[in-house]
Amino acid sequence: MCVCVCVCVRAAKDMVRKLLVVDPTKRMSIQEALQHTWLQDPAMLEEAQALMYPAPISTGAEPASSRKRRREDHEGERAAKQAPPTPQP
């Protein structure tokens, strides 16, 4: 195992242990967590960014979200389908 991976794993375990302390007075605060060496590691930050914000896959097709109907439109159609037919004189 690479030395940098071992250091990163140790730092991650250290942070998790400190966050899982039952006694809130002894538990790591959010400010301390944000300053922890594991969250300051450039390699970890790069990997986290890649996981949280993956690059979009370009297929050339229109995004699925733009083809979806709005919920209001769909509910209006459903209500129209469920309404009883009006009698024609």
PDB file of N, CA and C in Angstrom:
ATOM      1  N   MET A   1       0.849  -1.174   0.000  1.00  0.00           N
ATOM      2  CA  MET A   1       0.000   0.000   0.000  1.00  0.00           C
ATOM      3  C   MET A   1       0.893   1.235   0.000  1.00  0.00           C
ATOM      4  N   CYS A   2       0.528   2.199  -0.811  1.00  0.00           N
ATOM      5  CA  CYS A   2       1.302   3.436  -0.944  1.00  0.00           C
ATOM      6  C   CYS A   2       1.299   4.202   0.380  1.00  0.00           C
ATOM      7  N   VAL A   3       2.398   4.879   0.678  1.00  0.00           N
ATOM      8  CA  VAL A   3       2.524   5.641   1.921  1.00  0.00           C
ATOM      9  C   VAL A   3       1.459   6.729   1.993  1.00  0.00           C
ATOM     10  N   CYS A   4       1.199   7.414   0.857  1.00  0.00           N
ATOM     11  CA  CYS A   4       0.213   8.497   0.875  1.00  0.00           C
ATOM     12  C   CYS A   4      -1.185   7.960   1.163  1.00  0.00           C
ATOM     13  N   VAL A   5      -1.497   6.747   0.696  1.00  0.00           N
ATOM     14  CA  VAL A   5      -2.798   6.138   0.970  1.00  0.00           C
ATOM     15  C   VAL A   5      -2.901   5.794   2.447  1.00  0.00           C
ATOM     16  N   CYS A   6      -1.839   5.261   3.031  1.00  0.00           N
ATOM     17  CA  CYS A   6      -1.832   4.920   4.456  1.00  0.00           C
ATOM     18  C   CYS A   6      -2.061   6.160   5.307  1.00  0.00           C
ATOM     19  N   VAL A   7      -1.402   7.257   4.953  1.00  0.00           N
ATOM     20  CA  VAL A   7      -1.542   8.503   5.706  1.00  0.00           C
ATOM     21  C   VAL A   7      -2.972   9.010   5.590  1.00  0.00           C
ATOM     22  N   CYS A   8      -3.532   8.951   4.401  1.00  0.00           N
ATOM     23  CA  CYS A   8      -4.892   9.423   4.172  1.00  0.00           C
ATOM     24  C   CYS A   8      -5.898   8.562   4.937  1.00  0.00           C
ATOM     25  N   VAL A   9      -5.700   7.268   4.925  1.00  0.00           N
ATOM     26  CA  VAL A   9      -6.599   6.356   5.647  1.00  0.00           C
ATOM     27  C   VAL A   9      -6.507   6.619   7.149  1.00  0.00           C
ATOM     28  N   ARG A  10      -5.299   6.799   7.659  1.00  0.00           N
ATOM     29  CA  ARG A  10      -5.139   7.098   9.089  1.00  0.00           C
ATOM     30  C   ARG A  10      -5.825   8.401   9.458  1.00  0.00           C
ATOM     31  N   ALA A  11      -5.672   9.421   8.613  1.00  0.00           N
ATOM     32  CA  ALA A  11      -6.301  10.710   8.882  1.00  0.00           C
ATOM     33  C   ALA A  11      -7.825  10.587   8.855  1.00  0.00           C
ATOM     34  N   ALA A  12      -8.353   9.816   7.909  1.00  0.00           N
ATOM     35  CA  ALA A  12      -9.801   9.617   7.823  1.00  0.00           C
ATOM     36  C   ALA A  12     -10.320   8.899   9.067  1.00  0.00           C
ATOM     37  N   LYS A  13      -9.624   7.849   9.480  1.00  0.00           N
ATOM     38  CA  LYS A  13     -10.030   7.113  10.689  1.00  0.00           C
ATOM     39  C   LYS A  13      -9.979   8.011  11.920  1.00  0.00           C
ATOM     40  N   ASP A  14      -8.940   8.832  12.002  1.00  0.00           N
ATOM     41  CA  ASP A  14      -8.804   9.742  13.134  1.00  0.00           C
ATOM     42  C   ASP A  14      -9.987  10.699  13.195  1.00  0.00           C
ATOM     43  N   MET A  15     -10.356  11.265  12.062  1.00  0.00           N
ATOM     44  CA  MET A  15     -11.472  12.209  12.040  1.00  0.00           C
ATOM     45  C   MET A  15     -12.784  11.522  12.396  1.00  0.00           C
ATOM     46  N   VAL A  16     -13.030  10.371  11.811  1.00  0.00           N
ATOM     47  CA  VAL A  16     -14.282   9.644  12.090  1.00  0.00           C
ATOM     48  C   VAL A  16     -14.367   9.284  13.571  1.00  0.00           C
ATOM     49  N   ARG A  17     -13.276   8.801  14.144  1.00  0.00           N
ATOM     50  CA  ARG A  17     -13.278   8.474  15.576  1.00  0.00           C
ATOM     51  C   ARG A  17     -13.629   9.693  16.427  1.00  0.00           C
ATOM     52  N   LYS A  18     -13.068  10.833  16.074  1.00  0.00           N
ATOM     53  CA  LYS A  18     -13.319  12.057  16.841  1.00  0.00           C
ATOM     54  C   LYS A  18     -14.756  12.568  16.656  1.00  0.00           C
ATOM     55  N   LEU A  19     -15.352  12.284  15.508  1.00  0.00           N
ATOM     56  CA  LEU A  19     -16.738  12.694  15.274  1.00  0.00           C
ATOM     57  C   LEU A  19     -17.741  11.746  15.928  1.00  0.00           C
ATOM     58  N   LEU A  20     -17.328  10.517  16.192  1.00  0.00           N
ATOM     59  CA  LEU A  20     -18.237   9.523  16.770  1.00  0.00           C
ATOM     60  C   LEU A  20     -18.198   9.467  18.297  1.00  0.00           C
ATOM     61  N   VAL A  21     -17.498  10.379  18.930  1.00  0.00           N
ATOM     62  CA  VAL A  21     -17.449  10.413  20.395  1.00  0.00           C
ATOM     63  C   VAL A  21     -18.850  10.709  20.917  1.00  0.00           C
ATOM     64  N   VAL A  22     -19.332   9.903  21.855  1.00  0.00           N
ATOM     65  CA  VAL A  22     -20.691  10.040  22.374  1.00  0.00           C
ATOM     66  C   VAL A  22     -20.866  11.335  23.165  1.00  0.00           C
ATOM     67  N   ASP A  23     -19.909  11.679  23.999  1.00  0.00           N
ATOM     68  CA  ASP A  23     -19.995  12.877  24.832  1.00  0.00           C
ATOM     69  C   ASP A  23     -19.817  14.120  23.961  1.00  0.00           C
ATOM     70  N   PRO A  24     -20.872  14.950  23.817  1.00  0.00           N
ATOM     71  CA  PRO A  24     -20.767  16.121  22.936  1.00  0.00           C
ATOM     72  C   PRO A  24     -19.720  17.140  23.373  1.00  0.00           C
ATOM     73  N   THR A  25     -19.383  17.155  24.649  1.00  0.00           N
ATOM     74  CA  THR A  25     -18.359  18.106  25.102  1.00  0.00           C
ATOM     75  C   THR A  25     -16.963  17.671  24.672  1.00  0.00           C
ATOM     76  N   LYS A  26     -16.784  16.372  24.395  1.00  0.00           N
ATOM     77  CA  LYS A  26     -15.484  15.844  23.965  1.00  0.00           C
ATOM     78  C   LYS A  26     -15.432  15.605  22.459  1.00  0.00           C
ATOM     79  N   ARG A  27     -16.591  15.671  21.789  1.00  0.00           N
ATOM     80  CA  ARG A  27     -16.680  15.408  20.358  1.00  0.00           C
ATOM     81  C   ARG A  27     -16.062  16.561  19.565  1.00  0.00           C
ATOM     82  N   MET A  28     -15.510  16.244  18.410  1.00  0.00           N
ATOM     83  CA  MET A  28     -14.934  17.243  17.512  1.00  0.00           C
ATOM     84  C   MET A  28     -16.043  18.171  17.015  1.00  0.00           C
ATOM     85  N   SER A  29     -15.786  19.471  17.029  1.00  0.00           N
ATOM     86  CA  SER A  29     -16.773  20.429  16.536  1.00  0.00           C
ATOM     87  C   SER A  29     -16.710  20.491  15.008  1.00  0.00           C
ATOM     88  N   ILE A  30     -17.715  21.098  14.407  1.00  0.00           N
ATOM     89  CA  ILE A  30     -17.714  21.234  12.955  1.00  0.00           C
ATOM     90  C   ILE A  30     -16.552  22.101  12.483  1.00  0.00           C
ATOM     91  N   GLN A  31     -16.214  23.117  13.273  1.00  0.00           N
ATOM     92  CA  GLN A  31     -15.071  23.960  12.905  1.00  0.00           C
ATOM     93  C   GLN A  31     -13.774  23.150  12.926  1.00  0.00           C
ATOM     94  N   GLU A  32     -13.630  22.311  13.954  1.00  0.00           N
ATOM     95  CA  GLU A  32     -12.434  21.459  14.029  1.00  0.00           C
ATOM     96  C   GLU A  32     -12.422  20.451  12.883  1.00  0.00           C
ATOM     97  N   ALA A  33     -13.585  19.918  12.552  1.00  0.00           N
ATOM     98  CA  ALA A  33     -13.677  18.936  11.468  1.00  0.00           C
ATOM     99  C   ALA A  33     -13.262  19.570  10.138  1.00  0.00           C
ATOM    100  N   LEU A  34     -13.723  20.783   9.901  1.00  0.00           N
ATOM    101  CA  LEU A  34     -13.370  21.450   8.642  1.00  0.00           C
ATOM    102  C   LEU A  34     -11.892  21.794   8.556  1.00  0.00           C
ATOM    103  N   GLN A  35     -11.220  21.894   9.683  1.00  0.00           N
ATOM    104  CA  GLN A  35      -9.792  22.190   9.700  1.00  0.00           C
ATOM    105  C   GLN A  35      -8.931  20.934   9.804  1.00  0.00           C
ATOM    106  N   HIS A  36      -9.557  19.766   9.917  1.00  0.00           N
ATOM    107  CA  HIS A  36      -8.817  18.507  10.084  1.00  0.00           C
ATOM    108  C   HIS A  36      -7.925  18.251   8.873  1.00  0.00           C
ATOM    109  N   THR A  37      -6.798  17.630   9.100  1.00  0.00           N
ATOM    110  CA  THR A  37      -5.827  17.370   8.022  1.00  0.00           C
ATOM    111  C   THR A  37      -6.427  16.536   6.900  1.00  0.00           C
ATOM    112  N   TRP A  38      -7.350  15.632   7.212  1.00  0.00           N
ATOM    113  CA  TRP A  38      -7.946  14.798   6.173  1.00  0.00           C
ATOM    114  C   TRP A  38      -8.739  15.648   5.188  1.00  0.00           C
ATOM    115  N   LEU A  39      -9.450  16.641   5.677  1.00  0.00           N
ATOM    116  CA  LEU A  39     -10.224  17.504   4.785  1.00  0.00           C
ATOM    117  C   LEU A  39      -9.360  18.569   4.114  1.00  0.00           C
ATOM    118  N   GLN A  40      -8.141  18.705   4.539  1.00  0.00           N
ATOM    119  CA  GLN A  40      -7.230  19.675   3.928  1.00  0.00           C
ATOM    120  C   GLN A  40      -6.302  19.023   2.909  1.00  0.00           C
ATOM    121  N   ASP A  41      -6.342  17.708   2.791  1.00  0.00           N
ATOM    122  CA  ASP A  41      -5.476  16.970   1.872  1.00  0.00           C
ATOM    123  C   ASP A  41      -5.892  17.245   0.427  1.00  0.00           C
ATOM    124  N   PRO A  42      -4.990  17.777  -0.410  1.00  0.00           N
ATOM    125  CA  PRO A  42      -5.345  18.119  -1.793  1.00  0.00           C
ATOM    126  C   PRO A  42      -5.859  16.930  -2.612  1.00  0.00           C
ATOM    127  N   ALA A  43      -5.269  15.764  -2.447  1.00  0.00           N
ATOM    128  CA  ALA A  43      -5.712  14.586  -3.204  1.00  0.00           C
ATOM    129  C   ALA A  43      -7.129  14.192  -2.800  1.00  0.00           C
ATOM    130  N   MET A  44      -7.413  14.256  -1.497  1.00  0.00           N
ATOM    131  CA  MET A  44      -8.746  13.912  -1.017  1.00  0.00           C
ATOM    132  C   MET A  44      -9.763  14.934  -1.515  1.00  0.00           C
ATOM    133  N   LEU A  45      -9.405  16.213  -1.494  1.00  0.00           N
ATOM    134  CA  LEU A  45     -10.307  17.254  -1.971  1.00  0.00           C
ATOM    135  C   LEU A  45     -10.627  17.076  -3.460  1.00  0.00           C
ATOM    136  N   GLU A  46      -9.620  16.729  -4.242  1.00  0.00           N
ATOM    137  CA  GLU A  46      -9.820  16.511  -5.678  1.00  0.00           C
ATOM    138  C   GLU A  46     -10.749  15.324  -5.922  1.00  0.00           C
ATOM    139  N   GLU A  47     -10.532  14.241  -5.179  1.00  0.00           N
ATOM    140  CA  GLU A  47     -11.382  13.059  -5.332  1.00  0.00           C
ATOM    141  C   GLU A  47     -12.816  13.349  -4.888  1.00  0.00           C
ATOM    142  N   ALA A  48     -12.961  14.070  -3.786  1.00  0.00           N
ATOM    143  CA  ALA A  48     -14.297  14.414  -3.297  1.00  0.00           C
ATOM    144  C   ALA A  48     -15.030  15.287  -4.319  1.00  0.00           C
ATOM    145  N   GLN A  49     -14.340  16.245  -4.909  1.00  0.00           N
ATOM    146  CA  GLN A  49     -14.953  17.099  -5.923  1.00  0.00           C
ATOM    147  C   GLN A  49     -15.404  16.268  -7.127  1.00  0.00           C
ATOM    148  N   ALA A  50     -14.575  15.314  -7.539  1.00  0.00           N
ATOM    149  CA  ALA A  50     -14.921  14.467  -8.680  1.00  0.00           C
ATOM    150  C   ALA A  50     -16.140  13.602  -8.378  1.00  0.00           C
ATOM    151  N   LEU A  51     -16.253  13.137  -7.135  1.00  0.00           N
ATOM    152  CA  LEU A  51     -17.410  12.317  -6.757  1.00  0.00           C
ATOM    153  C   LEU A  51     -18.678  13.151  -6.622  1.00  0.00           C
ATOM    154  N   MET A  52     -18.546  14.339  -6.050  1.00  0.00           N
ATOM    155  CA  MET A  52     -19.724  15.176  -5.823  1.00  0.00           C
ATOM    156  C   MET A  52     -20.197  15.878  -7.087  1.00  0.00           C
ATOM    157  N   TYR A  53     -19.273  16.229  -7.955  1.00  0.00           N
ATOM    158  CA  TYR A  53     -19.607  16.973  -9.164  1.00  0.00           C
ATOM    159  C   TYR A  53     -18.991  16.290 -10.389  1.00  0.00           C
ATOM    160  N   PRO A  54     -19.531  15.129 -10.780  1.00  0.00           N
ATOM    161  CA  PRO A  54     -18.950  14.421 -11.928  1.00  0.00           C
ATOM    162  C   PRO A  54     -19.170  15.207 -13.218  1.00  0.00           C
ATOM    163  N   ALA A  55     -18.253  15.042 -14.138  1.00  0.00           N
ATOM    164  CA  ALA A  55     -18.378  15.707 -15.428  1.00  0.00           C
ATOM    165  C   ALA A  55     -19.554  15.090 -16.170  1.00  0.00           C
ATOM    166  N   PRO A  56     -20.398  15.922 -16.792  1.00  0.00           N
ATOM    167  CA  PRO A  56     -21.550  15.372 -17.513  1.00  0.00           C
ATOM    168  C   PRO A  56     -21.098  14.568 -18.718  1.00  0.00           C
ATOM    169  N   ILE A  57     -21.797  13.498 -18.976  1.00  0.00           N
ATOM    170  CA  ILE A  57     -21.500  12.642 -20.125  1.00  0.00           C
ATOM    171  C   ILE A  57     -22.239  13.224 -21.318  1.00  0.00           C
ATOM    172  N   SER A  58     -21.510  13.575 -22.350  1.00  0.00           N
ATOM    173  CA  SER A  58     -22.111  14.174 -23.530  1.00  0.00           C
ATOM    174  C   SER A  58     -22.515  13.087 -24.500  1.00  0.00           C
ATOM    175  N   THR A  59     -23.834  12.941 -24.716  1.00  0.00           N
ATOM    176  CA  THR A  59     -24.334  11.943 -25.660  1.00  0.00           C
ATOM    177  C   THR A  59     -24.881  12.596 -26.910  1.00  0.00           C
ATOM    178  N   GLY A  60     -24.962  13.928 -26.895  1.00  0.00           N
ATOM    179  CA  GLY A  60     -25.501  14.632 -28.037  1.00  0.00           C
ATOM    180  C   GLY A  60     -27.016  14.736 -27.987  1.00  0.00           C
ATOM    181  N   ALA A  61     -27.635  14.023 -27.078  1.00  0.00           N
ATOM    182  CA  ALA A  61     -29.093  14.048 -26.944  1.00  0.00           C
ATOM    183  C   ALA A  61     -29.499  15.160 -25.990  1.00  0.00           C
ATOM    184  N   GLU A  62     -30.752  15.515 -26.073  1.00  0.00           N
ATOM    185  CA  GLU A  62     -31.298  16.533 -25.176  1.00  0.00           C
ATOM    186  C   GLU A  62     -31.361  15.963 -23.767  1.00  0.00           C
ATOM    187  N   PRO A  63     -31.036  16.745 -22.735  1.00  0.00           N
ATOM    188  CA  PRO A  63     -31.101  16.238 -21.368  1.00  0.00           C
ATOM    189  C   PRO A  63     -32.513  15.773 -21.025  1.00  0.00           C
ATOM    190  N   ALA A  64     -32.609  14.689 -20.276  1.00  0.00           N
ATOM    191  CA  ALA A  64     -33.903  14.114 -19.917  1.00  0.00           C
ATOM    192  C   ALA A  64     -34.761  15.096 -19.137  1.00  0.00           C
ATOM    193  N   SER A  65     -34.148  15.913 -18.293  1.00  0.00           N
ATOM    194  CA  SER A  65     -34.922  16.817 -17.452  1.00  0.00           C
ATOM    195  C   SER A  65     -35.694  17.842 -18.269  1.00  0.00           C
ATOM    196  N   SER A  66     -35.213  18.227 -19.452  1.00  0.00           N
ATOM    197  CA  SER A  66     -35.910  19.232 -20.244  1.00  0.00           C
ATOM    198  C   SER A  66     -37.103  18.625 -20.980  1.00  0.00           C
ATOM    199  N   ARG A  67     -37.153  17.316 -21.090  1.00  0.00           N
ATOM    200  CA  ARG A  67     -38.268  16.664 -21.767  1.00  0.00           C
ATOM    201  C   ARG A  67     -39.407  16.327 -20.819  1.00  0.00           C
ATOM    202  N   LYS A  68     -39.172  16.391 -19.533  1.00  0.00           N
ATOM    203  CA  LYS A  68     -40.202  16.034 -18.559  1.00  0.00           C
ATOM    204  C   LYS A  68     -41.249  17.125 -18.477  1.00  0.00           C
ATOM    205  N   ARG A  69     -42.479  16.694 -18.275  1.00  0.00           N
ATOM    206  CA  ARG A  69     -43.547  17.664 -18.077  1.00  0.00           C
ATOM    207  C   ARG A  69     -43.547  18.117 -16.635  1.00  0.00           C
ATOM    208  N   ARG A  70     -43.978  19.330 -16.428  1.00  0.00           N
ATOM    209  CA  ARG A  70     -44.090  19.816 -15.067  1.00  0.00           C
ATOM    210  C   ARG A  70     -45.203  19.069 -14.369  1.00  0.00           C
ATOM    211  N   ARG A  71     -45.101  18.935 -13.067  1.00  0.00           N
ATOM    212  CA  ARG A  71     -46.078  18.203 -12.268  1.00  0.00           C
ATOM    213  C   ARG A  71     -47.483  18.793 -12.430  1.00  0.00           C
ATOM    214  N   GLU A  72     -47.596  20.140 -12.491  1.00  0.00           N
ATOM    215  CA  GLU A  72     -48.902  20.776 -12.625  1.00  0.00           C
ATOM    216  C   GLU A  72     -49.569  20.347 -13.924  1.00  0.00           C
ATOM    217  N   ASP A  73     -48.810  20.299 -15.029  1.00  0.00           N
ATOM    218  CA  ASP A  73     -49.366  19.889 -16.316  1.00  0.00           C
ATOM    219  C   ASP A  73     -49.894  18.468 -16.233  1.00  0.00           C
ATOM    220  N   HIS A  74     -49.125  17.600 -15.622  1.00  0.00           N
ATOM    221  CA  HIS A  74     -49.506  16.193 -15.508  1.00  0.00           C
ATOM    222  C   HIS A  74     -50.756  16.041 -14.646  1.00  0.00           C
ATOM    223  N   GLU A  75     -50.848  16.774 -13.537  1.00  0.00           N
ATOM    224  CA  GLU A  75     -52.006  16.683 -12.656  1.00  0.00           C
ATOM    225  C   GLU A  75     -53.249  17.212 -13.348  1.00  0.00           C
ATOM    226  N   GLY A  76     -53.104  18.261 -14.154  1.00  0.00           N
ATOM    227  CA  GLY A  76     -54.239  18.798 -14.892  1.00  0.00           C
ATOM    228  C   GLY A  76     -54.799  17.790 -15.875  1.00  0.00           C
ATOM    229  N   GLU A  77     -53.915  17.073 -16.564  1.00  0.00           N
ATOM    230  CA  GLU A  77     -54.352  16.034 -17.492  1.00  0.00           C
ATOM    231  C   GLU A  77     -55.043  14.903 -16.759  1.00  0.00           C
ATOM    232  N   ARG A  78     -54.507  14.530 -15.603  1.00  0.00           N
ATOM    233  CA  ARG A  78     -55.097  13.447 -14.820  1.00  0.00           C
ATOM    234  C   ARG A  78     -56.500  13.841 -14.359  1.00  0.00           C
ATOM    235  N   ALA A  79     -56.673  15.081 -13.904  1.00  0.00           N
ATOM    236  CA  ALA A  79     -57.975  15.547 -13.443  1.00  0.00           C
ATOM    237  C   ALA A  79     -58.964  15.565 -14.599  1.00  0.00           C
ATOM    238  N   ALA A  80     -58.512  15.961 -15.789  1.00  0.00           N
ATOM    239  CA  ALA A  80     -59.390  15.990 -16.959  1.00  0.00           C
ATOM    240  C   ALA A  80     -59.816  14.582 -17.344  1.00  0.00           C
ATOM    241  N   LYS A  81     -58.936  13.611 -17.221  1.00  0.00           N
ATOM    242  CA  LYS A  81     -59.270  12.227 -17.557  1.00  0.00           C
ATOM    243  C   LYS A  81     -60.256  11.634 -16.560  1.00  0.00           C
ATOM    244  N   GLN A  82     -60.179  12.056 -15.290  1.00  0.00           N
ATOM    245  CA  GLN A  82     -61.033  11.501 -14.252  1.00  0.00           C
ATOM    246  C   GLN A  82     -62.390  12.191 -14.175  1.00  0.00           C
ATOM    247  N   ALA A  83     -62.524  13.367 -14.779  1.00  0.00           N
ATOM    248  CA  ALA A  83     -63.786  14.093 -14.714  1.00  0.00           C
ATOM    249  C   ALA A  83     -64.854  13.339 -15.518  1.00  0.00           C
ATOM    250  N   PRO A  84     -66.087  13.302 -14.981  1.00  0.00           N
ATOM    251  CA  PRO A  84     -67.142  12.614 -15.726  1.00  0.00           C
ATOM    252  C   PRO A  84     -67.470  13.374 -17.014  1.00  0.00           C
ATOM    253  N   PRO A  85     -67.856  12.684 -18.045  1.00  0.00           N
ATOM    254  CA  PRO A  85     -68.164  13.368 -19.308  1.00  0.00           C
ATOM    255  C   PRO A  85     -69.378  14.274 -19.122  1.00  0.00           C
ATOM    256  N   THR A  86     -69.356  15.413 -19.778  1.00  0.00           N
ATOM    257  CA  THR A  86     -70.478  16.339 -19.694  1.00  0.00           C
ATOM    258  C   THR A  86     -71.510  15.928 -20.734  1.00  0.00           C
ATOM    259  N   PRO A  87     -72.783  15.906 -20.337  1.00  0.00           N
ATOM    260  CA  PRO A  87     -73.828  15.486 -21.307  1.00  0.00           C
ATOM    261  C   PRO A  87     -73.985  16.519 -22.412  1.00  0.00           C
ATOM    262  N   GLN A  88     -74.162  16.048 -23.622  1.00  0.00           N
ATOM    263  CA  GLN A  88     -74.368  16.911 -24.794  1.00  0.00           C
ATOM    264  C   GLN A  88     -75.862  16.975 -25.076  1.00  0.00           C
ATOM    265  N   PRO A  89     -76.436  18.180 -25.209  1.00  0.00           N
ATOM    266  CA  PRO A  89     -77.879  18.272 -25.473  1.00  0.00           C
ATOM    267  C   PRO A  89     -78.250  17.874 -26.880  1.00  0.00           C
TER     268      PRO A  89
END
